[in-house]
């Protein structure tokens, strides 16, 4: 699996799932949202590309794109509009908002995948702003300071516990196997048992109190941080 993470935002749930399935077949990490409101609650700076429908509820795709371009943490994230609105004015509006591409419905999945690859190649050198702090309700992780607080009270974590929490929090909803966590957290150590991950997860859950329940075990698969 490559390191590109894509967000698909469309109020057609079936279309979201189709795009998710086909993009995952290309080994992208894909999340979906069925409204701009839902998408804006996510940690948007972690995405390398957003496929964005135009015609949605109260917040249209154009409005969401405009909001993103005004935010320094999201202004450099590439956007491909996918929409049934294909008039010249609509297309120009999309590009004026900083869109990287514009695909009209109906479309072929092959076309979408080729355009996604083209945009990612073109924007690969553009660095998006990485947030220095991750916040989930009362849980806060200050990345440069390696500091975790709950309701403004600092929690003492070991280096490995901090790195596990950061990994899961940065990738909310994504399941990491024990092997994944070992590779990312213990990447420079040769002899480490799978059980080591379980022990560290158990300690981490206890230390972060009520948020320990957000670190969910997916039997047979691994662990993920799941929002309540």
Protein backbone atom coordinates (compact mmCIF):
# COMPACT_ATOMS: atom_id res chain seq x y z
CA UNK A 1 0.00 0.00 0.00
CA UNK A 2 1.35 3.46 -0.87
CA UNK A 3 1.32 6.47 1.42
CA UNK A 4 -1.32 8.51 -0.42
CA UNK A 5 -4.54 9.11 1.49
CA UNK A 6 -7.63 10.24 -0.43
CA UNK A 7 -10.96 11.60 0.84
CA UNK A 8 -14.09 11.12 -1.29
CA UNK A 9 -16.90 13.57 -0.44
CA UNK A 10 -20.25 12.91 -2.13
CA UNK A 11 -23.84 12.68 -0.88
CA UNK A 12 -24.38 9.54 -3.00
CA UNK A 13 -23.31 6.78 -0.62
CA UNK A 14 -23.19 4.12 -3.35
CA UNK A 15 -20.90 6.29 -5.48
CA UNK A 16 -18.61 6.89 -2.50
CA UNK A 17 -18.30 3.15 -1.90
CA UNK A 18 -17.64 2.42 -5.58
CA UNK A 19 -14.90 5.05 -5.74
CA UNK A 20 -13.46 3.86 -2.43
CA UNK A 21 -13.33 0.24 -3.61
CA UNK A 22 -11.69 1.05 -6.93
CA UNK A 23 -9.17 3.49 -5.49
CA UNK A 24 -8.24 0.98 -2.79
CA UNK A 25 -7.64 -1.55 -5.56
CA UNK A 26 -4.94 0.89 -6.70
CA UNK A 27 -3.54 0.67 -3.14
CA UNK A 28 -4.57 4.16 -2.02
CA UNK A 29 -5.86 4.69 1.53
CA UNK A 30 -9.40 6.02 1.12
CA UNK A 31 -11.95 7.57 3.47
CA UNK A 32 -15.44 8.78 2.58
CA UNK A 33 -17.85 11.46 3.78
CA UNK A 34 -21.45 11.97 2.63
CA UNK A 35 -21.56 15.72 3.16
CA UNK A 36 -19.23 18.69 3.40
CA UNK A 37 -20.29 19.07 7.02
CA UNK A 38 -19.12 15.52 7.75
CA UNK A 39 -15.88 16.04 5.83
CA UNK A 40 -15.02 19.26 7.66
CA UNK A 41 -15.06 17.38 10.98
CA UNK A 42 -12.20 15.17 9.78
CA UNK A 43 -8.46 15.84 10.11
CA UNK A 44 -8.24 17.23 6.56
CA UNK A 45 -4.50 18.06 6.53
CA UNK A 46 -3.67 14.34 6.52
CA UNK A 47 -5.17 13.90 3.02
CA UNK A 48 -3.10 14.10 -0.16
CA UNK A 49 -6.14 14.57 -2.39
CA UNK A 50 -9.88 15.26 -2.06
CA UNK A 51 -12.50 14.15 -4.59
CA UNK A 52 -15.31 16.61 -3.99
CA UNK A 53 -18.88 16.66 -5.26
CA UNK A 54 -20.30 20.11 -6.00
CA UNK A 55 -24.04 19.70 -5.41
CA UNK A 56 -24.52 18.75 -1.77
CA UNK A 57 -26.61 20.03 1.17
CA UNK A 58 -26.17 23.37 2.93
CA UNK A 59 -22.43 23.47 2.26
CA UNK A 60 -21.73 22.87 -1.42
CA UNK A 61 -18.49 21.50 -2.77
CA UNK A 62 -17.58 24.97 -4.04
CA UNK A 63 -18.16 26.43 -0.57
CA UNK A 64 -16.12 23.71 1.13
CA UNK A 65 -13.26 24.26 -1.33
CA UNK A 66 -13.38 28.00 -0.64
CA UNK A 67 -13.20 27.34 3.12
CA UNK A 68 -10.23 25.02 2.64
CA UNK A 69 -8.31 27.51 0.50
CA UNK A 70 -8.68 30.16 3.24
CA UNK A 71 -7.17 27.84 5.87
CA UNK A 72 -3.36 27.60 5.89
CA UNK A 73 -3.53 23.97 7.04
CA UNK A 74 -5.62 22.87 4.04
CA UNK A 75 -4.97 25.43 1.31
CA UNK A 76 -2.45 23.24 -0.53
CA UNK A 77 -4.49 20.02 -0.59
CA UNK A 78 -5.30 19.11 -4.23
CA UNK A 79 -9.01 19.01 -5.09
CA UNK A 80 -10.74 17.25 -7.95
CA UNK A 81 -14.38 18.26 -8.39
CA UNK A 82 -16.71 15.44 -9.43
CA UNK A 83 -20.11 16.75 -10.41
CA UNK A 84 -23.15 16.62 -12.68
CA UNK A 85 -22.76 20.38 -13.23
CA UNK A 86 -20.74 20.61 -16.42
CA UNK A 87 -21.48 24.06 -17.82
CA UNK A 88 -18.56 26.30 -18.74
CA UNK A 89 -19.35 28.70 -15.88
CA UNK A 90 -19.38 25.87 -13.34
CA UNK A 91 -16.07 24.55 -14.62
CA UNK A 92 -14.50 28.01 -14.48
CA UNK A 93 -15.85 28.48 -10.94
CA UNK A 94 -14.16 25.25 -9.90
CA UNK A 95 -10.81 26.20 -11.37
CA UNK A 96 -11.05 29.74 -9.98
CA UNK A 97 -11.41 28.18 -6.55
CA UNK A 98 -8.11 26.41 -7.06
CA UNK A 99 -9.35 23.01 -8.24
CA UNK A 100 -6.70 20.76 -9.76
CA UNK A 101 -9.15 18.96 -12.05
CA UNK A 102 -12.85 18.76 -12.85
CA UNK A 103 -14.67 15.55 -13.83
CA UNK A 104 -18.27 15.55 -15.04
CA UNK A 105 -20.79 12.82 -14.23
CA UNK A 106 -21.33 10.27 -15.65
CA UNK A 107 -17.71 9.23 -15.80
CA UNK A 108 -15.70 6.06 -16.21
CA UNK A 109 -13.86 4.73 -13.19
CA UNK A 110 -10.78 4.29 -15.33
CA UNK A 111 -10.86 8.00 -16.17
CA UNK A 112 -11.14 8.95 -12.49
CA UNK A 113 -8.20 6.74 -11.53
CA UNK A 114 -6.03 8.15 -14.33
CA UNK A 115 -6.87 11.73 -13.33
CA UNK A 116 -6.18 10.96 -9.66
CA UNK A 117 -2.76 9.57 -10.58
CA UNK A 118 -2.02 12.60 -12.77
CA UNK A 119 -2.91 15.11 -10.04
CA UNK A 120 -0.92 13.23 -7.40
CA UNK A 121 2.12 13.13 -9.70
CA UNK A 122 1.77 16.85 -10.44
CA UNK A 123 1.37 17.88 -6.82
CA UNK A 124 3.78 15.41 -5.22
CA UNK A 125 6.36 18.14 -4.57
CA UNK A 126 3.87 20.48 -2.89
CA UNK A 127 4.16 20.20 0.87
CA UNK A 128 0.92 20.57 2.77
CA UNK A 129 0.97 22.14 6.18
CA UNK A 130 1.29 19.45 8.84
CA UNK A 131 -0.56 20.38 12.04
CA UNK A 132 1.65 20.70 15.11
CA UNK A 133 -1.20 19.70 17.38
CA UNK A 134 -3.85 16.98 17.11
CA UNK A 135 -7.00 17.45 19.16
CA UNK A 136 -9.85 15.06 19.81
CA UNK A 137 -12.30 16.52 22.32
CA UNK A 138 -10.30 16.97 25.54
CA UNK A 139 -7.34 14.91 24.28
CA UNK A 140 -4.51 16.97 22.82
CA UNK A 141 -1.20 15.82 21.29
CA UNK A 142 1.50 18.44 20.77
CA UNK A 143 3.76 16.84 18.15
CA UNK A 144 6.90 19.03 18.35
CA UNK A 145 6.89 19.01 22.17
CA UNK A 146 6.00 15.28 22.38
CA UNK A 147 3.40 16.23 24.96
CA UNK A 148 -0.06 14.75 25.61
CA UNK A 149 -2.70 16.48 27.71
CA UNK A 150 -6.23 15.56 28.75
CA UNK A 151 -8.37 18.53 29.70
CA UNK A 152 -5.14 20.60 29.88
CA UNK A 153 -3.50 18.17 32.32
CA UNK A 154 -0.30 16.55 31.05
CA UNK A 155 -0.19 12.75 30.77
CA UNK A 156 3.13 10.92 31.09
CA UNK A 157 3.68 8.50 28.18
CA UNK A 158 6.73 6.50 27.15
CA UNK A 159 8.23 7.17 23.71
CA UNK A 160 6.57 4.08 22.22
CA UNK A 161 3.18 4.86 23.80
CA UNK A 162 3.35 8.40 22.40
CA UNK A 163 4.23 7.14 18.92
CA UNK A 164 1.41 4.58 18.93
CA UNK A 165 -1.12 7.22 20.01
CA UNK A 166 0.16 9.64 17.37
CA UNK A 167 0.00 6.99 14.65
CA UNK A 168 -3.59 6.00 15.48
CA UNK A 169 -4.79 9.58 16.02
CA UNK A 170 -3.28 10.78 12.75
CA UNK A 171 -5.09 7.97 10.93
CA UNK A 172 -8.48 7.89 12.67
CA UNK A 173 -10.59 4.97 11.49
CA UNK A 174 -7.73 3.13 9.79
CA UNK A 175 -6.92 -0.31 11.22
CA UNK A 176 -3.24 -1.06 11.83
CA UNK A 177 -2.14 -4.66 12.30
CA UNK A 178 0.44 -5.51 14.94
CA UNK A 179 2.94 -5.91 12.11
CA UNK A 180 2.10 -2.40 10.83
CA UNK A 181 2.61 -0.89 14.28
CA UNK A 182 5.86 -2.78 14.82
CA UNK A 183 7.16 -1.58 11.46
CA UNK A 184 6.27 2.06 12.12
CA UNK A 185 7.03 2.36 15.85
CA UNK A 186 9.78 -0.25 16.32
CA UNK A 187 11.18 0.12 12.80
CA UNK A 188 14.80 0.30 13.99
CA UNK A 189 14.63 -2.68 16.34
CA UNK A 190 15.09 -6.23 15.10
CA UNK A 191 13.80 -8.58 17.81
CA UNK A 192 10.39 -7.40 19.00
CA UNK A 193 7.41 -9.68 19.65
CA UNK A 194 3.83 -8.98 18.51
CA UNK A 195 2.85 -9.22 22.18
CA UNK A 196 4.86 -6.04 22.81
CA UNK A 197 2.28 -4.07 20.85
CA UNK A 198 -0.59 -5.47 22.95
CA UNK A 199 1.19 -4.60 26.20
CA UNK A 200 1.86 -1.02 25.09
CA UNK A 201 -1.72 -0.58 23.85
CA UNK A 202 -3.07 -1.81 27.21
CA UNK A 203 -0.87 0.66 29.13
CA UNK A 204 -1.77 3.48 26.75
CA UNK A 205 -5.51 2.88 27.14
CA UNK A 206 -5.20 3.13 30.93
CA UNK A 207 -3.14 6.30 30.81
CA UNK A 208 -5.54 8.22 28.54
CA UNK A 209 -8.56 7.37 30.68
CA UNK A 210 -11.93 7.84 29.02
CA UNK A 211 -10.26 8.09 25.60
CA UNK A 212 -8.83 4.61 26.00
CA UNK A 213 -12.15 3.29 24.69
CA UNK A 214 -11.44 5.04 21.39
CA UNK A 215 -8.54 2.67 20.75
CA UNK A 216 -10.59 -0.19 19.37
CA UNK A 217 -9.46 -3.78 18.78
CA UNK A 218 -10.57 -5.31 15.48
CA UNK A 219 -10.23 -9.02 16.15
CA UNK A 220 -8.00 -10.68 13.61
CA UNK A 221 -6.98 -7.34 12.09
CA UNK A 222 -5.44 -4.97 14.64
CA UNK A 223 -6.13 -1.61 16.27
CA UNK A 224 -7.64 1.73 15.28
CA UNK A 225 -8.64 5.04 16.85
CA UNK A 226 -12.38 5.39 16.43
CA UNK A 227 -14.28 8.60 17.15
CA UNK A 228 -17.31 8.23 19.38
